[in-house]
Amino acid sequence: MKNGFGGRFTEKIGIAAGVALPLFNIPLIAHLWRTKSSKDFSLLWALGVWACALLMTPQALRSRDSAFKIFGCVNLVLFSAVAFLIVKYHRKF
């Protein structure tokens, strides 16, 4: 895929970023798991972000843009874990 600005290089950078960005959820998952507490996190925020990621995923899967496709899938999986743990350890439950 040539895009006029570095072609394959910018595509590779985009794919790397698409994988790397959701990986920043891993320390958050580890913190939630280790402390067994989600008191620092809003339930509305967690479910709102998760819902947006879920609703964005079909378009990511249909996209020809590899970076968007990879980001959508990896982000959905990892943020689903974040949202699950926030709900699980939220004080209202």
Foldseek 3Di string as FASTA:
>chain_A
DQDPPPGPVVLVVLQVCLQPVLCVLVVVLVVLVVVLALVVDDLCVLVVVLVVLVVCQVVLCVDPRNSSVSSSVSNNVSSVSNSVSNVRSYPVD
